[in-house]
Amino acid sequence: MVLSIGVAVMCVGLAIGVVWVILPRIGSTGPLGVFLRVGALSGAVSVGAGVLDIMASSGAGDLSRVAADAAMVLAPALLCAALVVAPGRPLARSLPIAATVAAGAALSFALVPAAAPTIKAFTLTAACGLCAVLALRAPALPRRSRFVLAATMGSYGLYSAVRGVLSVTGDSLGPAFAPHGVIVAGIAAMLSTGVSIMMVGLPSASGATGGRRRGASISIGDWNLATAALGRERVRVLLLDLRLAARDLDPAAIDGPRGVETSLPSAATALRERLATGYGWRPEEVELITDATPRRRLRITI
């Protein structure tokens, strides 16, 4: 019953995340767009793992249990593959590694069923621990999303490590590590991961507080014209890309009105180059970037 409710909640959360956060950015070719699309895939794999677990608990057989455990490993492995995407490091390089890890885990579960819980626990420890480290080092993610994802993966990795040690030593697992406890921990980790992905769609706190200007104010010029030509959702994607590109070059950059405020020298030129090479902006989109920094009036003293 607990697992069934958890799967239903995850399905609803995944649908909300796809509609609200991922679909508006589906055309982005930058690292964030890749992460969101793979994050949606990871969420779907997690939901599939829950469904397969329900089937295995209902007597569907060992194959369902092996598939459920392999899907549980694949979900964080996919996030790891997405977090290392960068200019010059496409998803095609890291995705096969994630798939190989999951396939190797599935083979281990099938060949050594008695040791499957222990293997699964330590494999999840490695995958979640790596995901936590990569999340902290991922400049494409907003800070809040990065910290929530790192905390979630780190906590679940530690939980899996303790579970693996207890299964090796043969000590009592206790309520927290009993089957129902494992289910609750897994659902909590999946939901927290989904929250971290949906937080990408929230406005930056630094921009909402009206922090002081940091030199140049770069924005998307003529917002109405850009919206009419490209569509509202595409312009929102461009705005998010602009702010992320600014943080790539200046971690202290803050959100400004329809743009970003940064202390970069020659900020408009640097950001145009970054958006063209790192985020796949077309020439007509690059031309939308304008320097909106207010010009100071010269004071003439007599």
C-alpha atoms as a PDB file:
ATOM      1  CA  MET A   1       0.000   0.000   0.000  1.00  0.00           C
ATOM      2  CA  VAL A   2       2.784   2.451   0.946  1.00  0.00           C
ATOM      3  CA  LEU A   3       4.656   1.735  -2.277  1.00  0.00           C
ATOM      4  CA  SER A   4       1.491   2.076  -4.360  1.00  0.00           C
ATOM      5  CA  ILE A   5       0.734   5.488  -2.857  1.00  0.00           C
ATOM      6  CA  GLY A   6       4.343   6.557  -3.351  1.00  0.00           C
ATOM      7  CA  VAL A   7       4.300   5.546  -7.018  1.00  0.00           C
ATOM      8  CA  ALA A   8       1.059   7.464  -7.559  1.00  0.00           C
ATOM      9  CA  VAL A   9       2.546  10.586  -5.949  1.00  0.00           C
ATOM     10  CA  MET A  10       5.692  10.253  -8.063  1.00  0.00           C
ATOM     11  CA  CYS A  11       3.627   9.945 -11.237  1.00  0.00           C
ATOM     12  CA  VAL A  12       1.749  13.137 -10.425  1.00  0.00           C
ATOM     13  CA  GLY A  13       4.974  14.938  -9.491  1.00  0.00           C
ATOM     14  CA  LEU A  14       6.684  13.796 -12.678  1.00  0.00           C
ATOM     15  CA  ALA A  15       3.775  15.025 -14.788  1.00  0.00           C
ATOM     16  CA  ILE A  16       3.828  18.439 -13.076  1.00  0.00           C
ATOM     17  CA  GLY A  17       7.590  18.719 -13.488  1.00  0.00           C
ATOM     18  CA  VAL A  18       7.467  17.814 -17.183  1.00  0.00           C
ATOM     19  CA  VAL A  19       4.690  20.305 -17.954  1.00  0.00           C
ATOM     20  CA  TRP A  20       5.916  23.187 -15.779  1.00  0.00           C
ATOM     21  CA  VAL A  21       9.697  22.954 -15.971  1.00  0.00           C
ATOM     22  CA  ILE A  22      10.879  20.654 -18.748  1.00  0.00           C
ATOM     23  CA  LEU A  23       8.558  21.323 -21.688  1.00  0.00           C
ATOM     24  CA  PRO A  24       9.273  25.097 -21.774  1.00  0.00           C
ATOM     25  CA  ARG A  25      12.986  24.301 -22.052  1.00  0.00           C
ATOM     26  CA  ILE A  26      12.782  21.257 -24.289  1.00  0.00           C
ATOM     27  CA  GLY A  27      14.470  23.118 -27.148  1.00  0.00           C
ATOM     28  CA  SER A  28      17.471  24.278 -25.122  1.00  0.00           C
ATOM     29  CA  THR A  29      20.701  22.653 -26.301  1.00  0.00           C
ATOM     30  CA  GLY A  30      22.714  23.871 -23.324  1.00  0.00           C
ATOM     31  CA  PRO A  31      23.764  21.746 -20.330  1.00  0.00           C
ATOM     32  CA  LEU A  32      20.636  22.687 -18.381  1.00  0.00           C
ATOM     33  CA  GLY A  33      18.300  21.560 -21.164  1.00  0.00           C
ATOM     34  CA  VAL A  34      20.124  18.213 -21.345  1.00  0.00           C
ATOM     35  CA  PHE A  35      19.948  17.810 -17.566  1.00  0.00           C
ATOM     36  CA  LEU A  36      16.208  18.493 -17.495  1.00  0.00           C
ATOM     37  CA  ARG A  37      15.449  16.019 -20.252  1.00  0.00           C
ATOM     38  CA  VAL A  38      17.593  13.286 -18.689  1.00  0.00           C
ATOM     39  CA  GLY A  39      16.174  14.199 -15.271  1.00  0.00           C
ATOM     40  CA  ALA A  40      12.692  13.502 -16.628  1.00  0.00           C
ATOM     41  CA  LEU A  41      13.941  10.160 -17.947  1.00  0.00           C
ATOM     42  CA  SER A  42      15.459   9.379 -14.544  1.00  0.00           C
ATOM     43  CA  GLY A  43      12.132  10.182 -12.886  1.00  0.00           C
ATOM     44  CA  ALA A  44      10.311   7.882 -15.293  1.00  0.00           C
ATOM     45  CA  VAL A  45      12.826   5.112 -14.548  1.00  0.00           C
ATOM     46  CA  SER A  46      12.247   5.623 -10.810  1.00  0.00           C
ATOM     47  CA  VAL A  47       8.497   5.328 -11.282  1.00  0.00           C
ATOM     48  CA  GLY A  48       9.085   2.180 -13.347  1.00  0.00           C
ATOM     49  CA  ALA A  49      11.221   0.761 -10.555  1.00  0.00           C
ATOM     50  CA  GLY A  50       8.369   1.320  -8.132  1.00  0.00           C
ATOM     51  CA  VAL A  51       5.860  -0.371 -10.428  1.00  0.00           C
ATOM     52  CA  LEU A  52       8.176  -3.348 -10.945  1.00  0.00           C
ATOM     53  CA  ASP A  53       8.703  -3.568  -7.175  1.00  0.00           C
ATOM     54  CA  ILE A  54       4.942  -3.760  -6.671  1.00  0.00           C
ATOM     55  CA  MET A  55       4.744  -6.517  -9.272  1.00  0.00           C
ATOM     56  CA  ALA A  56       7.593  -8.445  -7.619  1.00  0.00           C
ATOM     57  CA  SER A  57       5.941  -8.137  -4.212  1.00  0.00           C
ATOM     58  CA  SER A  58       2.735  -9.490  -5.733  1.00  0.00           C
ATOM     59  CA  GLY A  59       4.481 -12.656  -6.907  1.00  0.00           C
ATOM     60  CA  ALA A  60       5.445 -11.662 -10.451  1.00  0.00           C
ATOM     61  CA  GLY A  61       8.743 -13.520 -10.160  1.00  0.00           C
ATOM     62  CA  ASP A  62      12.478 -12.937  -9.852  1.00  0.00           C
ATOM     63  CA  LEU A  63      12.735 -11.195 -13.209  1.00  0.00           C
ATOM     64  CA  SER A  64      10.572  -8.323 -11.958  1.00  0.00           C
ATOM     65  CA  ARG A  65      12.738  -8.010  -8.848  1.00  0.00           C
ATOM     66  CA  VAL A  66      15.944  -7.900 -10.894  1.00  0.00           C
ATOM     67  CA  ALA A  67      14.461  -5.307 -13.245  1.00  0.00           C
ATOM     68  CA  ALA A  68      13.253  -3.184 -10.306  1.00  0.00           C
ATOM     69  CA  ASP A  69      16.671  -3.212  -8.631  1.00  0.00           C
ATOM     70  CA  ALA A  70      18.433  -2.430 -11.925  1.00  0.00           C
ATOM     71  CA  ALA A  71      16.078   0.505 -12.544  1.00  0.00           C
ATOM     72  CA  MET A  72      16.824   1.829  -9.055  1.00  0.00           C
ATOM     73  CA  VAL A  73      20.529   1.878  -9.944  1.00  0.00           C
ATOM     74  CA  LEU A  74      19.924   3.344 -13.393  1.00  0.00           C
ATOM     75  CA  ALA A  75      18.011   6.387 -12.055  1.00  0.00           C
ATOM     76  CA  PRO A  76      20.956   8.050 -10.215  1.00  0.00           C
ATOM     77  CA  ALA A  77      23.377   6.826 -12.898  1.00  0.00           C
ATOM     78  CA  LEU A  78      21.386   8.784 -15.491  1.00  0.00           C
ATOM     79  CA  LEU A  79      21.609  11.916 -13.351  1.00  0.00           C
ATOM     80  CA  CYS A  80      25.385  11.455 -13.129  1.00  0.00           C
ATOM     81  CA  ALA A  81      25.564  11.195 -16.919  1.00  0.00           C
ATOM     82  CA  ALA A  82      23.562  14.420 -17.297  1.00  0.00           C
ATOM     83  CA  LEU A  83      25.583  16.363 -14.727  1.00  0.00           C
ATOM     84  CA  VAL A  84      28.892  15.890 -16.541  1.00  0.00           C
ATOM     85  CA  VAL A  85      27.545  17.259 -19.842  1.00  0.00           C
ATOM     86  CA  ALA A  86      29.458  20.364 -20.917  1.00  0.00           C
ATOM     87  CA  PRO A  87      30.714  21.940 -24.137  1.00  0.00           C
ATOM     88  CA  GLY A  88      33.056  19.330 -25.589  1.00  0.00           C
ATOM     89  CA  ARG A  89      31.567  16.581 -23.364  1.00  0.00           C
ATOM     90  CA  PRO A  90      28.246  15.569 -24.945  1.00  0.00           C
ATOM     91  CA  LEU A  91      25.745  13.193 -23.381  1.00  0.00           C
ATOM     92  CA  ALA A  92      26.776  10.495 -25.868  1.00  0.00           C
ATOM     93  CA  ARG A  93      30.000  10.026 -23.922  1.00  0.00           C
ATOM     94  CA  SER A  94      28.523   9.545 -20.462  1.00  0.00           C
ATOM     95  CA  LEU A  95      25.181   7.877 -21.186  1.00  0.00           C
ATOM     96  CA  PRO A  96      26.696   4.513 -22.276  1.00  0.00           C
ATOM     97  CA  ILE A  97      28.624   4.393 -18.994  1.00  0.00           C
ATOM     98  CA  ALA A  98      25.406   4.805 -17.007  1.00  0.00           C
ATOM     99  CA  ALA A  99      23.695   2.106 -19.049  1.00  0.00           C
ATOM    100  CA  THR A 100      26.676  -0.232 -18.588  1.00  0.00           C
ATOM    101  CA  VAL A 101      26.617   0.248 -14.803  1.00  0.00           C
ATOM    102  CA  ALA A 102      22.913  -0.594 -14.673  1.00  0.00           C
ATOM    103  CA  ALA A 103      23.366  -3.620 -16.950  1.00  0.00           C
ATOM    104  CA  GLY A 104      26.266  -4.887 -14.827  1.00  0.00           C
ATOM    105  CA  ALA A 105      24.190  -4.479 -11.682  1.00  0.00           C
ATOM    106  CA  ALA A 106      21.284  -6.356 -13.269  1.00  0.00           C
ATOM    107  CA  LEU A 107      23.587  -9.206 -14.261  1.00  0.00           C
ATOM    108  CA  SER A 108      24.934  -9.407 -10.704  1.00  0.00           C
ATOM    109  CA  PHE A 109      21.431  -9.448  -9.260  1.00  0.00           C
ATOM    110  CA  ALA A 110      20.441 -12.289 -11.601  1.00  0.00           C
ATOM    111  CA  LEU A 111      23.576 -14.423 -11.100  1.00  0.00           C
ATOM    112  CA  VAL A 112      23.884 -13.986  -7.331  1.00  0.00           C
ATOM    113  CA  PRO A 113      20.328 -13.462  -6.045  1.00  0.00           C
ATOM    114  CA  ALA A 114      21.294 -14.138  -2.434  1.00  0.00           C
ATOM    115  CA  ALA A 115      23.743 -11.231  -2.446  1.00  0.00           C
ATOM    116  CA  ALA A 116      21.513  -8.924  -4.534  1.00  0.00           C
ATOM    117  CA  PRO A 117      20.432  -6.657  -1.612  1.00  0.00           C
ATOM    118  CA  THR A 118      24.065  -6.107  -0.585  1.00  0.00           C
ATOM    119  CA  ILE A 119      25.255  -5.475  -4.152  1.00  0.00           C
ATOM    120  CA  LYS A 120      22.352  -3.121  -4.735  1.00  0.00           C
ATOM    121  CA  ALA A 121      23.075  -1.185  -1.541  1.00  0.00           C
ATOM    122  CA  PHE A 122      26.753  -0.598  -2.321  1.00  0.00           C
ATOM    123  CA  THR A 123      26.083   0.154  -5.993  1.00  0.00           C
ATOM    124  CA  LEU A 124      23.523   2.779  -4.955  1.00  0.00           C
ATOM    125  CA  THR A 125      26.048   4.165  -2.470  1.00  0.00           C
ATOM    126  CA  ALA A 126      28.593   4.698  -5.242  1.00  0.00           C
ATOM    127  CA  ALA A 127      26.089   6.090  -7.758  1.00  0.00           C
ATOM    128  CA  CYS A 128      24.375   8.458  -5.302  1.00  0.00           C
ATOM    129  CA  GLY A 129      27.674   9.607  -3.776  1.00  0.00           C
ATOM    130  CA  LEU A 130      29.074  10.428  -7.206  1.00  0.00           C
ATOM    131  CA  CYS A 131      25.841  12.202  -8.132  1.00  0.00           C
ATOM    132  CA  ALA A 132      26.064  14.357  -4.967  1.00  0.00           C
ATOM    133  CA  VAL A 133      29.631  15.414  -5.782  1.00  0.00           C
ATOM    134  CA  LEU A 134      28.783  16.175  -9.413  1.00  0.00           C
ATOM    135  CA  ALA A 135      25.701  18.166  -8.385  1.00  0.00           C
ATOM    136  CA  LEU A 136      27.784  20.454  -6.183  1.00  0.00           C
ATOM    137  CA  ARG A 137      30.170  21.039  -9.074  1.00  0.00           C
ATOM    138  CA  ALA A 138      27.497  21.574 -11.769  1.00  0.00           C
ATOM    139  CA  PRO A 139      27.451  25.241 -12.840  1.00  0.00           C
ATOM    140  CA  ALA A 140      24.442  24.673 -15.099  1.00  0.00           C
ATOM    141  CA  LEU A 141      22.104  24.181 -12.125  1.00  0.00           C
ATOM    142  CA  PRO A 142      20.820  27.075 -10.011  1.00  0.00           C
ATOM    143  CA  ARG A 143      22.342  27.100  -6.535  1.00  0.00           C
ATOM    144  CA  ARG A 144      19.224  25.998  -4.638  1.00  0.00           C
ATOM    145  CA  SER A 145      18.537  23.129  -6.995  1.00  0.00           C
ATOM    146  CA  ARG A 146      22.180  22.068  -6.802  1.00  0.00           C
ATOM    147  CA  PHE A 147      22.203  21.937  -2.997  1.00  0.00           C
ATOM    148  CA  VAL A 148      18.882  20.079  -2.704  1.00  0.00           C
ATOM    149  CA  LEU A 149      20.005  17.463  -5.230  1.00  0.00           C
ATOM    150  CA  ALA A 150      23.413  17.057  -3.547  1.00  0.00           C
ATOM    151  CA  ALA A 151      21.833  16.732  -0.089  1.00  0.00           C
ATOM    152  CA  THR A 152      19.288  14.194  -1.353  1.00  0.00           C
ATOM    153  CA  MET A 153      21.811  12.018  -3.164  1.00  0.00           C
ATOM    154  CA  GLY A 154      24.344  12.270  -0.330  1.00  0.00           C
ATOM    155  CA  SER A 155      21.779  11.289   2.296  1.00  0.00           C
ATOM    156  CA  TYR A 156      20.443   8.363   0.303  1.00  0.00           C
ATOM    157  CA  GLY A 157      23.972   7.236  -0.521  1.00  0.00           C
ATOM    158  CA  LEU A 158      24.820   7.210   3.189  1.00  0.00           C
ATOM    159  CA  TYR A 159      21.596   5.341   3.968  1.00  0.00           C
ATOM    160  CA  SER A 160      22.448   2.721   1.345  1.00  0.00           C
ATOM    161  CA  ALA A 161      25.983   2.365   2.715  1.00  0.00           C
ATOM    162  CA  VAL A 162      24.694   1.668   6.231  1.00  0.00           C
ATOM    163  CA  ARG A 163      22.185  -0.810   4.846  1.00  0.00           C
ATOM    164  CA  GLY A 164      24.921  -2.581   2.909  1.00  0.00           C
ATOM    165  CA  VAL A 165      27.195  -2.829   5.963  1.00  0.00           C
ATOM    166  CA  LEU A 166      24.364  -4.183   8.108  1.00  0.00           C
ATOM    167  CA  SER A 167      23.496  -6.794   5.498  1.00  0.00           C
ATOM    168  CA  VAL A 168      27.137  -7.965   5.390  1.00  0.00           C
ATOM    169  CA  THR A 169      27.559  -8.146   9.163  1.00  0.00           C
ATOM    170  CA  GLY A 170      24.195  -9.833   9.650  1.00  0.00           C
ATOM    171  CA  ASP A 171      23.149  -7.354  12.351  1.00  0.00           C
ATOM    172  CA  SER A 172      19.528  -6.479  12.908  1.00  0.00           C
ATOM    173  CA  LEU A 173      18.377  -3.986  10.298  1.00  0.00           C
ATOM    174  CA  GLY A 174      15.891  -2.281  12.606  1.00  0.00           C
ATOM    175  CA  PRO A 175      12.692  -0.481  11.554  1.00  0.00           C
ATOM    176  CA  ALA A 176      14.502   2.133   9.440  1.00  0.00           C
ATOM    177  CA  PHE A 177      16.133  -0.578   7.307  1.00  0.00           C
ATOM    178  CA  ALA A 178      13.247  -3.041   7.219  1.00  0.00           C
ATOM    179  CA  PRO A 179      11.408  -3.441   3.878  1.00  0.00           C
ATOM    180  CA  HIS A 180       8.874  -0.728   4.667  1.00  0.00           C
ATOM    181  CA  GLY A 181      11.642   1.611   5.848  1.00  0.00           C
ATOM    182  CA  VAL A 182      13.543   1.044   2.613  1.00  0.00           C
ATOM    183  CA  ILE A 183      10.409   1.852   0.613  1.00  0.00           C
ATOM    184  CA  VAL A 184       9.816   5.088   2.530  1.00  0.00           C
ATOM    185  CA  ALA A 185      13.471   6.147   2.156  1.00  0.00           C
ATOM    186  CA  GLY A 186      13.418   5.438  -1.578  1.00  0.00           C
ATOM    187  CA  ILE A 187      10.193   7.384  -2.120  1.00  0.00           C
ATOM    188  CA  ALA A 188      11.530  10.326  -0.089  1.00  0.00           C
ATOM    189  CA  ALA A 189      14.737  10.376  -2.154  1.00  0.00           C
ATOM    190  CA  MET A 190      12.817  10.256  -5.442  1.00  0.00           C
ATOM    191  CA  LEU A 191      10.448  13.049  -4.415  1.00  0.00           C
ATOM    192  CA  SER A 192      13.315  15.251  -3.163  1.00  0.00           C
ATOM    193  CA  THR A 193      15.141  14.704  -6.441  1.00  0.00           C
ATOM    194  CA  GLY A 194      12.018  15.759  -8.306  1.00  0.00           C
ATOM    195  CA  VAL A 195      11.779  18.884  -6.136  1.00  0.00           C
ATOM    196  CA  SER A 196      15.381  19.798  -6.951  1.00  0.00           C
ATOM    197  CA  ILE A 197      14.604  19.542 -10.678  1.00  0.00           C
ATOM    198  CA  MET A 198      11.402  21.574 -10.413  1.00  0.00           C
ATOM    199  CA  MET A 199      13.281  24.275  -8.468  1.00  0.00           C
ATOM    200  CA  VAL A 200      15.052  25.081 -11.729  1.00  0.00           C
ATOM    201  CA  GLY A 201      11.856  26.874 -12.750  1.00  0.00           C
ATOM    202  CA  LEU A 202      11.837  29.163  -9.698  1.00  0.00           C
ATOM    203  CA  PRO A 203      13.242  32.686  -9.999  1.00  0.00           C
ATOM    204  CA  SER A 204      16.644  33.347  -8.463  1.00  0.00           C
ATOM    205  CA  ALA A 205      16.496  34.597  -4.888  1.00  0.00           C
ATOM    206  CA  SER A 206      19.323  37.021  -5.551  1.00  0.00           C
ATOM    207  CA  GLY A 207      17.401  38.587  -8.390  1.00  0.00           C
ATOM    208  CA  ALA A 208      14.182  38.822  -6.370  1.00  0.00           C
ATOM    209  CA  THR A 209      15.830  40.704  -3.515  1.00  0.00           C
ATOM    210  CA  GLY A 210      16.980  43.538  -5.731  1.00  0.00           C
ATOM    211  CA  GLY A 211      20.664  43.269  -4.905  1.00  0.00           C
ATOM    212  CA  ARG A 212      22.980  46.089  -5.847  1.00  0.00           C
ATOM    213  CA  ARG A 213      24.153  46.358  -9.426  1.00  0.00           C
ATOM    214  CA  ARG A 214      27.415  44.696 -10.329  1.00  0.00           C
ATOM    215  CA  GLY A 215      28.535  46.771 -13.294  1.00  0.00           C
ATOM    216  CA  ALA A 216      26.921  45.811 -16.599  1.00  0.00           C
ATOM    217  CA  SER A 217      23.221  45.045 -16.927  1.00  0.00           C
ATOM    218  CA  ILE A 218      22.739  42.645 -19.852  1.00  0.00           C
ATOM    219  CA  SER A 219      19.240  41.808 -21.013  1.00  0.00           C
ATOM    220  CA  ILE A 220      17.168  40.514 -23.894  1.00  0.00           C
ATOM    221  CA  GLY A 221      16.345  43.655 -25.855  1.00  0.00           C
ATOM    222  CA  ASP A 222      12.847  44.415 -27.111  1.00  0.00           C
ATOM    223  CA  TRP A 223      11.126  41.665 -25.158  1.00  0.00           C
ATOM    224  CA  ASN A 224       7.770  42.109 -26.915  1.00  0.00           C
ATOM    225  CA  LEU A 225       9.283  41.842 -30.371  1.00  0.00           C
ATOM    226  CA  ALA A 226      11.310  38.768 -29.369  1.00  0.00           C
ATOM    227  CA  THR A 227       8.197  37.135 -27.898  1.00  0.00           C
ATOM    228  CA  ALA A 228       6.194  37.813 -31.044  1.00  0.00           C
ATOM    229  CA  ALA A 229       8.938  36.393 -33.272  1.00  0.00           C
ATOM    230  CA  LEU A 230      10.066  33.375 -31.218  1.00  0.00           C
ATOM    231  CA  GLY A 231       7.195  32.656 -28.841  1.00  0.00           C
ATOM    232  CA  ARG A 232       6.916  33.319 -25.124  1.00  0.00           C
ATOM    233  CA  GLU A 233       8.261  29.943 -23.994  1.00  0.00           C
ATOM    234  CA  ARG A 234      11.345  30.127 -26.227  1.00  0.00           C
ATOM    235  CA  VAL A 235      12.177  33.612 -24.960  1.00  0.00           C
ATOM    236  CA  ARG A 236      11.897  32.349 -21.383  1.00  0.00           C
ATOM    237  CA  VAL A 237      14.381  29.609 -22.259  1.00  0.00           C
ATOM    238  CA  LEU A 238      16.718  32.229 -23.712  1.00  0.00           C
ATOM    239  CA  LEU A 239      16.440  34.290 -20.544  1.00  0.00           C
ATOM    240  CA  LEU A 240      17.330  31.307 -18.374  1.00  0.00           C
ATOM    241  CA  ASP A 241      20.259  30.445 -20.670  1.00  0.00           C
ATOM    242  CA  LEU A 242      21.494  34.041 -20.445  1.00  0.00           C
ATOM    243  CA  ARG A 243      21.504  33.969 -16.646  1.00  0.00           C
ATOM    244  CA  LEU A 244      23.227  30.586 -16.512  1.00  0.00           C
ATOM    245  CA  ALA A 245      25.849  31.652 -19.060  1.00  0.00           C
ATOM    246  CA  ALA A 246      26.560  34.724 -16.970  1.00  0.00           C
ATOM    247  CA  ARG A 247      27.110  32.553 -13.893  1.00  0.00           C
ATOM    248  CA  ASP A 248      29.422  30.311 -15.911  1.00  0.00           C
ATOM    249  CA  LEU A 249      31.674  33.314 -16.490  1.00  0.00           C
ATOM    250  CA  ASP A 250      30.935  35.256 -13.277  1.00  0.00           C
ATOM    251  CA  PRO A 251      29.663  33.174 -10.319  1.00  0.00           C
ATOM    252  CA  ALA A 252      28.744  36.409  -8.496  1.00  0.00           C
ATOM    253  CA  ALA A 253      26.326  37.520 -11.250  1.00  0.00           C
ATOM    254  CA  ILE A 254      22.763  38.215 -10.106  1.00  0.00           C
ATOM    255  CA  ASP A 255      19.449  38.215 -11.939  1.00  0.00           C
ATOM    256  CA  GLY A 256      18.251  41.546 -13.269  1.00  0.00           C
ATOM    257  CA  PRO A 257      15.108  42.721 -15.086  1.00  0.00           C
ATOM    258  CA  ARG A 258      14.773  40.320 -18.030  1.00  0.00           C
ATOM    259  CA  GLY A 259      18.498  39.723 -17.895  1.00  0.00           C
ATOM    260  CA  VAL A 260      21.481  39.615 -15.582  1.00  0.00           C
ATOM    261  CA  GLU A 261      23.828  41.996 -13.787  1.00  0.00           C
ATOM    262  CA  THR A 262      27.500  41.130 -13.879  1.00  0.00           C
ATOM    263  CA  SER A 263      30.941  42.618 -13.347  1.00  0.00           C
ATOM    264  CA  LEU A 264      32.375  40.891 -16.447  1.00  0.00           C
ATOM    265  CA  PRO A 265      34.537  43.108 -18.632  1.00  0.00           C
ATOM    266  CA  SER A 266      32.960  43.542 -22.077  1.00  0.00           C
ATOM    267  CA  ALA A 267      30.011  41.595 -20.674  1.00  0.00           C
ATOM    268  CA  ALA A 268      27.739  41.743 -23.728  1.00  0.00           C
ATOM    269  CA  THR A 269      30.439  40.476 -26.085  1.00  0.00           C
ATOM    270  CA  ALA A 270      31.563  37.726 -23.694  1.00  0.00           C
ATOM    271  CA  LEU A 271      28.003  36.523 -23.140  1.00  0.00           C
ATOM    272  CA  ARG A 272      27.181  36.507 -26.843  1.00  0.00           C
ATOM    273  CA  GLU A 273      30.190  34.278 -27.494  1.00  0.00           C
ATOM    274  CA  ARG A 274      29.328  31.992 -24.567  1.00  0.00           C
ATOM    275  CA  LEU A 275      25.695  31.599 -25.620  1.00  0.00           C
ATOM    276  CA  ALA A 276      26.631  30.858 -29.232  1.00  0.00           C
ATOM    277  CA  THR A 277      29.288  28.245 -28.419  1.00  0.00           C
ATOM    278  CA  GLY A 278      28.032  26.743 -25.147  1.00  0.00           C
ATOM    279  CA  TYR A 279      24.259  26.996 -25.453  1.00  0.00           C
ATOM    280  CA  GLY A 280      23.695  26.654 -29.193  1.00  0.00           C
ATOM    281  CA  TRP A 281      22.019  30.027 -29.754  1.00  0.00           C
ATOM    282  CA  ARG A 282      21.332  30.921 -33.370  1.00  0.00           C
ATOM    283  CA  PRO A 283      22.778  34.193 -34.752  1.00  0.00           C
ATOM    284  CA  GLU A 284      19.377  35.927 -34.675  1.00  0.00           C
ATOM    285  CA  GLU A 285      18.983  34.959 -31.014  1.00  0.00           C
ATOM    286  CA  VAL A 286      22.467  36.185 -30.116  1.00  0.00           C
ATOM    287  CA  GLU A 287      21.587  39.559 -31.608  1.00  0.00           C
ATOM    288  CA  LEU A 288      18.821  39.952 -29.021  1.00  0.00           C
ATOM    289  CA  ILE A 289      21.421  40.495 -26.271  1.00  0.00           C
ATOM    290  CA  THR A 290      21.782  44.165 -25.374  1.00  0.00           C
ATOM    291  CA  ASP A 291      23.717  46.152 -22.797  1.00  0.00           C
ATOM    292  CA  ALA A 292      21.059  47.890 -20.732  1.00  0.00           C
ATOM    293  CA  THR A 293      23.473  49.448 -18.221  1.00  0.00           C
ATOM    294  CA  PRO A 294      22.320  52.976 -17.361  1.00  0.00           C
ATOM    295  CA  ARG A 295      24.824  55.541 -18.565  1.00  0.00           C
ATOM    296  CA  ARG A 296      26.035  58.086 -16.083  1.00  0.00           C
ATOM    297  CA  ARG A 297      25.716  61.697 -16.991  1.00  0.00           C
ATOM    298  CA  LEU A 298      28.933  63.659 -17.120  1.00  0.00           C
ATOM    299  CA  ARG A 299      29.040  66.439 -14.595  1.00  0.00           C
ATOM    300  CA  ILE A 300      30.647  69.651 -15.794  1.00  0.00           C
ATOM    301  CA  THR A 301      32.041  71.781 -13.022  1.00  0.00           C
ATOM    302  CA  ILE A 302      32.998  75.384 -13.536  1.00  0.00           C
END
